[in-house]
Amino acid sequence: MVSFIFRRLISGVVVLFVVSSLTFFMLYFSATSVARNILGETATQDQVHLKEVELGLDQPLLSRYFGWLGGVLHGDFGVSWFTSQPVVDSILGRLPTTLSIVLVTIVIAAVLATLFGVAAAVRRGWVDRVLQIVSIGASAIPQFVVAIILVTAFAIGLRWFPATGYVPIGDSVAGWAASITLPIIALAIGTVASTAQQVRSAVINVLSRDYVRTLRSRGLAPREILFRHVLRGAAPAGLTVLSLQFIGMLGGVVVIEQIFALPGLGFLALQSTTQGDMPVLMGVVVYIVIIVVVVNLLVDLAVGWLNPKARVS
């Protein structure tokens, strides 16, 4: 298990290095005149040049890259070119918003998808057909369309939830729950639908295996077979799908945060991209990749614990 964890950590570090490096070069190669954006159209060419020198844009690209990389290795992501606020402070101030939405969504999705998937696999018949129809329909509807419908119906129409804004959990638990309910529903519908399908397929596959038939022939109760053996065998497939859904949510939350005006990482990433604020955007990329690497490591550990063959492969 130690070598298994070590290999996963090394691969995670490599992924982090490659993704952040490629992102850095692509951003700087495609960047327009950031200095002009900061100073405005009325700034003279001399003022723009002085601003570029101040930002270090006059230096060779490799010098800028190694300077940025050296700072990151020491925990210094620089400061925003537009607000002069440290990048780490900007990200940490918005990280709880995004994580609270994504983590609560993935937990709810895991529970509901497991219930629906297992019910469809075990009962089959009309339950299975309903799951298939609902899953196809829910997966086909874009998340932003669901979000707009939810805002129109439950925030503007019924006024059950706030249409925009975020309340930190430290200020009010009830306010926090109300502010993230609609975003979570918008993200969870498609996630539950697609994950339930995968859980259903995995459970059906395990139910057809020889060892399950052997357990039945020995007189074990169906409930015991399902919860002690079948779910353990089907769990790796479900966990893998959930990890992919989690990564997809980190991208989908950008649109959701825009619709609900939530001050999260997605909102910050879009804002910094529009402005050309490279230090902030690179900081967001690095933090998101770290989150993805950590989640994948946890999933790999869970799969390795459930299935020892995975540790060998």
Protein backbone atom coordinates (compact mmCIF):
# COMPACT_ATOMS: atom_id res chain seq x y z
CA MET A 1 0.00 0.00 0.00
CA VAL A 2 2.88 2.40 0.72
CA SER A 3 4.33 1.96 -2.77
CA PHE A 4 0.83 2.35 -4.19
CA ILE A 5 0.39 5.70 -2.41
CA PHE A 6 3.89 6.80 -3.41
CA ARG A 7 3.24 6.09 -7.10
CA ARG A 8 -0.01 8.03 -6.98
CA LEU A 9 1.68 10.99 -5.28
CA ILE A 10 4.44 11.07 -7.87
CA SER A 11 1.95 10.94 -10.73
CA GLY A 12 -0.06 13.72 -9.07
CA VAL A 13 2.99 15.96 -8.79
CA VAL A 14 3.83 15.31 -12.45
CA VAL A 15 0.28 16.19 -13.50
CA LEU A 16 0.38 19.38 -11.45
CA PHE A 17 3.72 20.42 -12.98
CA VAL A 18 2.70 19.65 -16.58
CA VAL A 19 -0.73 21.28 -16.42
CA SER A 20 0.48 24.43 -14.66
CA SER A 21 3.46 24.81 -17.02
CA LEU A 22 1.40 24.34 -20.18
CA THR A 23 -1.21 26.76 -18.88
CA PHE A 24 1.46 29.36 -18.11
CA PHE A 25 2.94 29.27 -21.60
CA MET A 26 -0.43 29.21 -23.36
CA LEU A 27 -1.68 32.18 -21.36
CA TYR A 28 1.40 34.29 -21.95
CA PHE A 29 1.63 33.44 -25.64
CA SER A 30 -2.03 34.37 -26.16
CA ALA A 31 -2.01 37.40 -23.88
CA THR A 32 -2.87 40.83 -25.26
CA SER A 33 -1.57 44.10 -23.87
CA VAL A 34 -2.42 43.68 -20.20
CA ALA A 35 -0.68 46.93 -19.34
CA ARG A 36 -2.99 48.77 -21.73
CA ASN A 37 -6.02 47.12 -20.11
CA ILE A 38 -4.86 48.23 -16.67
CA LEU A 39 -4.06 51.83 -17.61
CA GLY A 40 -6.89 52.37 -20.06
CA GLU A 41 -7.04 53.55 -23.63
CA THR A 42 -5.95 57.08 -22.76
CA ALA A 43 -2.52 55.98 -21.47
CA THR A 44 0.49 56.93 -23.56
CA GLN A 45 2.87 54.41 -25.05
CA ASP A 46 5.56 55.41 -22.53
CA GLN A 47 3.18 54.78 -19.63
CA VAL A 48 2.26 51.40 -21.07
CA HIS A 49 5.95 50.51 -21.44
CA LEU A 50 6.69 51.51 -17.84
CA LYS A 51 3.77 49.39 -16.64
CA GLU A 52 5.05 46.40 -18.61
CA VAL A 53 8.46 46.83 -16.97
CA GLU A 54 6.76 47.01 -13.56
CA LEU A 55 4.87 43.78 -14.25
CA GLY A 56 7.96 42.06 -15.61
CA LEU A 57 6.47 41.64 -19.07
CA ASP A 58 9.63 43.01 -20.68
CA GLN A 59 11.60 39.97 -19.51
CA PRO A 60 12.07 36.81 -21.63
CA LEU A 61 9.29 34.27 -21.27
CA LEU A 62 11.50 31.62 -19.68
CA SER A 63 12.75 34.12 -17.10
CA ARG A 64 9.17 34.96 -16.19
CA TYR A 65 8.28 31.27 -15.98
CA PHE A 66 11.14 30.30 -13.70
CA GLY A 67 10.51 33.38 -11.57
CA TRP A 68 6.85 32.39 -11.20
CA LEU A 69 7.74 28.73 -10.55
CA GLY A 70 10.28 29.67 -7.90
CA GLY A 71 7.72 31.83 -6.14
CA VAL A 72 5.08 29.08 -6.24
CA LEU A 73 7.49 26.55 -4.74
CA HIS A 74 7.89 28.97 -1.81
CA GLY A 75 4.14 29.52 -1.54
CA ASP A 76 4.23 32.95 -3.21
CA PHE A 77 1.81 33.25 -6.15
CA GLY A 78 2.41 36.97 -6.53
CA VAL A 79 -0.18 39.73 -6.45
CA SER A 80 -3.08 40.63 -8.70
CA TRP A 81 -2.14 42.99 -11.51
CA PHE A 82 -5.44 44.83 -11.10
CA THR A 83 -6.11 44.91 -7.34
CA SER A 84 -2.58 44.41 -5.93
CA GLN A 85 -4.10 41.87 -3.52
CA PRO A 86 -2.01 38.74 -2.86
CA VAL A 87 -3.21 35.91 -5.08
CA VAL A 88 -3.34 33.45 -2.19
CA ASP A 89 -5.65 35.76 -0.22
CA SER A 90 -7.95 36.17 -3.24
CA ILE A 91 -8.20 32.42 -3.71
CA LEU A 92 -8.57 31.44 -0.06
CA GLY A 93 -11.32 34.02 0.33
CA ARG A 94 -13.34 32.38 -2.44
CA LEU A 95 -12.37 28.73 -2.03
CA PRO A 96 -14.93 27.94 0.73
CA THR A 97 -17.78 29.04 -1.54
CA THR A 98 -16.83 26.70 -4.36
CA LEU A 99 -15.90 23.77 -2.13
CA SER A 100 -19.10 24.02 -0.09
CA ILE A 101 -21.18 23.81 -3.27
CA VAL A 102 -19.19 21.05 -4.94
CA LEU A 103 -18.64 18.86 -1.85
CA VAL A 104 -22.26 19.00 -0.69
CA THR A 105 -23.38 18.28 -4.25
CA ILE A 106 -21.12 15.25 -4.61
CA VAL A 107 -22.25 13.80 -1.26
CA ILE A 108 -25.93 14.21 -2.14
CA ALA A 109 -25.30 12.81 -5.62
CA ALA A 110 -23.46 9.79 -4.21
CA VAL A 111 -26.30 8.91 -1.84
CA LEU A 112 -29.13 9.42 -4.35
CA ALA A 113 -27.29 7.76 -7.25
CA THR A 114 -26.54 4.71 -5.11
CA LEU A 115 -30.15 4.40 -3.98
CA PHE A 116 -31.59 4.82 -7.49
CA GLY A 117 -28.95 2.67 -9.19
CA VAL A 118 -29.27 -0.21 -6.74
CA ALA A 119 -33.08 -0.08 -6.84
CA ALA A 120 -33.07 -0.21 -10.64
CA ALA A 121 -30.54 -3.07 -10.74
CA VAL A 122 -32.27 -5.19 -8.10
CA ARG A 123 -35.93 -4.61 -8.92
CA ARG A 124 -35.60 -4.15 -12.70
CA GLY A 125 -38.98 -3.89 -14.46
CA TRP A 126 -40.72 -0.52 -14.38
CA VAL A 127 -38.26 0.90 -11.81
CA ASP A 128 -35.39 0.29 -14.22
CA ARG A 129 -37.30 1.77 -17.16
CA VAL A 130 -38.21 4.90 -15.22
CA LEU A 131 -34.58 5.38 -14.19
CA GLN A 132 -33.45 5.02 -17.81
CA ILE A 133 -35.95 7.59 -19.09
CA VAL A 134 -35.34 10.10 -16.30
CA SER A 135 -31.56 9.72 -16.56
CA ILE A 136 -31.53 10.38 -20.29
CA GLY A 137 -33.77 13.41 -19.89
CA ALA A 138 -31.83 14.85 -16.94
CA SER A 139 -28.46 14.33 -18.61
CA ALA A 140 -29.64 16.06 -21.78
CA ILE A 141 -30.60 19.33 -20.06
CA PRO A 142 -27.66 21.75 -19.67
CA GLN A 143 -26.90 22.84 -16.13
CA PHE A 144 -27.31 26.54 -16.91
CA VAL A 145 -30.84 25.89 -18.23
CA VAL A 146 -31.72 24.06 -15.02
CA ALA A 147 -30.23 26.92 -12.99
CA ILE A 148 -32.28 29.54 -14.85
CA ILE A 149 -35.47 27.51 -14.37
CA LEU A 150 -34.77 27.12 -10.66
CA VAL A 151 -34.10 30.85 -10.22
CA THR A 152 -37.25 31.79 -12.11
CA ALA A 153 -39.49 29.33 -10.28
CA PHE A 154 -38.19 29.18 -6.71
CA ALA A 155 -36.33 32.46 -6.23
CA ILE A 156 -38.23 35.01 -8.31
CA GLY A 157 -41.64 33.32 -8.42
CA LEU A 158 -42.09 31.61 -5.06
CA ARG A 159 -39.34 33.54 -3.21
CA TRP A 160 -38.34 30.44 -1.26
CA PHE A 161 -34.62 30.98 -1.85
CA PRO A 162 -32.40 33.98 -2.63
CA ALA A 163 -31.77 34.49 -6.34
CA THR A 164 -28.18 35.62 -5.89
CA GLY A 165 -25.50 35.97 -3.22
CA TYR A 166 -23.71 33.76 -0.74
CA VAL A 167 -23.88 33.66 3.07
CA PRO A 168 -20.83 32.16 4.84
CA ILE A 169 -21.68 29.28 7.13
CA GLY A 170 -20.00 31.12 10.01
CA ASP A 171 -22.49 33.99 9.69
CA SER A 172 -25.67 31.91 9.45
CA VAL A 173 -26.13 28.19 8.89
CA ALA A 174 -29.67 28.71 7.64
CA GLY A 175 -28.60 31.53 5.35
CA TRP A 176 -25.70 29.44 4.03
CA ALA A 177 -27.99 26.50 3.31
CA ALA A 178 -30.52 28.73 1.55
CA SER A 179 -27.85 30.41 -0.60
CA ILE A 180 -26.39 27.14 -1.92
CA THR A 181 -29.58 25.06 -2.28
CA LEU A 182 -30.48 26.10 -5.83
CA PRO A 183 -26.87 25.91 -7.13
CA ILE A 184 -26.56 22.42 -5.63
CA ILE A 185 -29.79 21.25 -7.25
CA ALA A 186 -28.65 22.63 -10.61
CA LEU A 187 -25.37 20.72 -10.37
CA ALA A 188 -26.79 17.56 -8.81
CA ILE A 189 -29.54 16.68 -11.28
CA GLY A 190 -27.26 15.68 -14.14
CA THR A 191 -24.69 14.19 -11.78
CA VAL A 192 -27.23 11.92 -10.07
CA ALA A 193 -28.65 10.82 -13.41
CA SER A 194 -25.34 9.80 -15.01
CA THR A 195 -23.90 8.27 -11.82
CA ALA A 196 -27.05 6.25 -11.12
CA GLN A 197 -26.74 4.71 -14.57
CA GLN A 198 -23.17 3.63 -13.87
CA VAL A 199 -24.08 2.25 -10.43
CA ARG A 200 -26.94 0.30 -11.96
CA SER A 201 -24.66 -1.24 -14.59
CA ALA A 202 -22.00 -2.09 -12.00
CA VAL A 203 -24.50 -3.73 -9.64
CA ILE A 204 -26.04 -5.78 -12.47
CA ASN A 205 -22.57 -6.90 -13.49
CA VAL A 206 -21.69 -8.00 -9.96
CA LEU A 207 -25.03 -9.76 -9.48
CA SER A 208 -24.29 -11.93 -12.51
CA ARG A 209 -20.94 -13.18 -11.19
CA ASP A 210 -20.38 -16.75 -10.06
CA TYR A 211 -19.48 -15.93 -6.45
CA VAL A 212 -22.82 -14.17 -5.96
CA ARG A 213 -24.68 -17.21 -7.23
CA THR A 214 -22.60 -19.33 -4.85
CA LEU A 215 -23.56 -17.09 -1.92
CA ARG A 216 -27.22 -17.45 -2.86
CA SER A 217 -26.93 -21.23 -3.05
CA ARG A 218 -25.52 -21.24 0.49
CA GLY A 219 -28.69 -19.64 1.77
CA LEU A 220 -27.40 -16.16 2.62
CA ALA A 221 -30.08 -13.52 2.91
CA PRO A 222 -30.46 -11.31 -0.21
CA ARG A 223 -30.01 -8.18 1.89
CA GLU A 224 -26.73 -9.49 3.32
CA ILE A 225 -25.45 -10.43 -0.13
CA LEU A 226 -26.36 -7.01 -1.49
CA PHE A 227 -24.86 -4.86 1.26
CA ARG A 228 -21.82 -6.97 2.21
CA HIS A 229 -20.71 -8.30 -1.15
CA VAL A 230 -22.44 -6.75 -4.17
CA LEU A 231 -22.07 -3.12 -3.16
CA ARG A 232 -18.41 -3.65 -2.30
CA GLY A 233 -17.80 -5.12 -5.74
CA ALA A 234 -19.72 -2.34 -7.50
CA ALA A 235 -18.28 0.51 -5.42
CA PRO A 236 -15.04 1.02 -7.42
CA ALA A 237 -16.98 1.78 -10.61
CA GLY A 238 -19.25 4.18 -8.76
CA LEU A 239 -16.33 5.94 -7.07
CA THR A 240 -14.52 6.35 -10.37
CA VAL A 241 -17.57 7.94 -11.96
CA LEU A 242 -18.06 10.24 -8.97
CA SER A 243 -14.44 11.40 -9.18
CA LEU A 244 -14.96 12.28 -12.85
CA GLN A 245 -18.20 14.05 -11.97
CA PHE A 246 -16.37 16.01 -9.27
CA ILE A 247 -13.79 17.18 -11.79
CA GLY A 248 -16.57 18.12 -14.20
CA MET A 249 -18.30 20.11 -11.46
CA LEU A 250 -15.22 22.27 -11.00
CA GLY A 251 -15.72 23.36 -14.60
CA GLY A 252 -19.51 23.57 -14.46
CA VAL A 253 -19.46 25.65 -11.30
CA VAL A 254 -18.04 28.56 -13.33
CA VAL A 255 -21.39 29.02 -15.07
CA ILE A 256 -23.43 28.32 -11.94
CA GLU A 257 -21.51 30.91 -9.92
CA GLN A 258 -22.13 33.47 -12.66
CA ILE A 259 -25.88 32.82 -12.70
CA PHE A 260 -26.25 32.96 -8.91
CA ALA A 261 -23.58 35.68 -8.43
CA LEU A 262 -21.58 33.51 -6.04
CA PRO A 263 -18.09 34.73 -5.09
CA GLY A 264 -16.29 31.46 -5.77
CA LEU A 265 -13.26 30.25 -7.70
CA GLY A 266 -15.26 29.97 -10.92
CA PHE A 267 -16.33 33.60 -10.72
CA LEU A 268 -12.74 34.61 -9.93
CA ALA A 269 -11.34 32.55 -12.83
CA LEU A 270 -13.75 34.09 -15.33
CA GLN A 271 -13.07 37.59 -14.05
CA SER A 272 -9.28 37.18 -14.18
CA THR A 273 -9.51 35.66 -17.67
CA THR A 274 -11.54 38.61 -18.93
CA GLN A 275 -9.10 41.10 -17.43
CA GLY A 276 -5.96 39.17 -18.35
CA ASP A 277 -4.89 38.97 -14.70
CA MET A 278 -2.31 36.21 -15.18
CA PRO A 279 -1.10 35.78 -11.56
CA VAL A 280 -4.66 35.26 -10.28
CA LEU A 281 -5.61 32.96 -13.14
CA MET A 282 -2.48 30.84 -12.68
CA GLY A 283 -3.17 30.64 -8.96
CA VAL A 284 -6.71 29.41 -9.62
CA VAL A 285 -5.40 26.80 -12.07
CA VAL A 286 -2.82 25.49 -9.59
CA TYR A 287 -5.34 25.27 -6.74
CA ILE A 288 -7.91 23.48 -8.90
CA VAL A 289 -5.32 20.98 -10.12
CA ILE A 290 -4.25 20.35 -6.52
CA ILE A 291 -7.88 19.69 -5.57
CA VAL A 292 -8.27 17.31 -8.52
CA VAL A 293 -5.05 15.46 -7.62
CA VAL A 294 -6.12 15.09 -3.98
CA VAL A 295 -9.57 13.82 -4.95
CA ASN A 296 -8.10 11.32 -7.41
CA LEU A 297 -5.65 10.12 -4.76
CA LEU A 298 -8.45 9.58 -2.24
CA VAL A 299 -10.52 7.73 -4.82
CA ASP A 300 -7.54 5.56 -5.80
CA LEU A 301 -6.96 4.71 -2.14
CA ALA A 302 -10.62 3.81 -1.68
CA VAL A 303 -10.63 1.68 -4.83
CA GLY A 304 -7.36 0.04 -3.77
CA TRP A 305 -8.85 -0.80 -0.38
CA LEU A 306 -12.01 -2.23 -1.96
CA ASN A 307 -10.17 -4.04 -4.75
CA PRO A 308 -6.60 -5.22 -3.94
CA LYS A 309 -6.03 -6.00 -7.64
CA ALA A 310 -6.10 -2.26 -8.35
CA ARG A 311 -3.06 -1.73 -6.11
CA VAL A 312 -1.10 -4.22 -8.18
CA SER A 313 -2.17 -2.76 -11.53
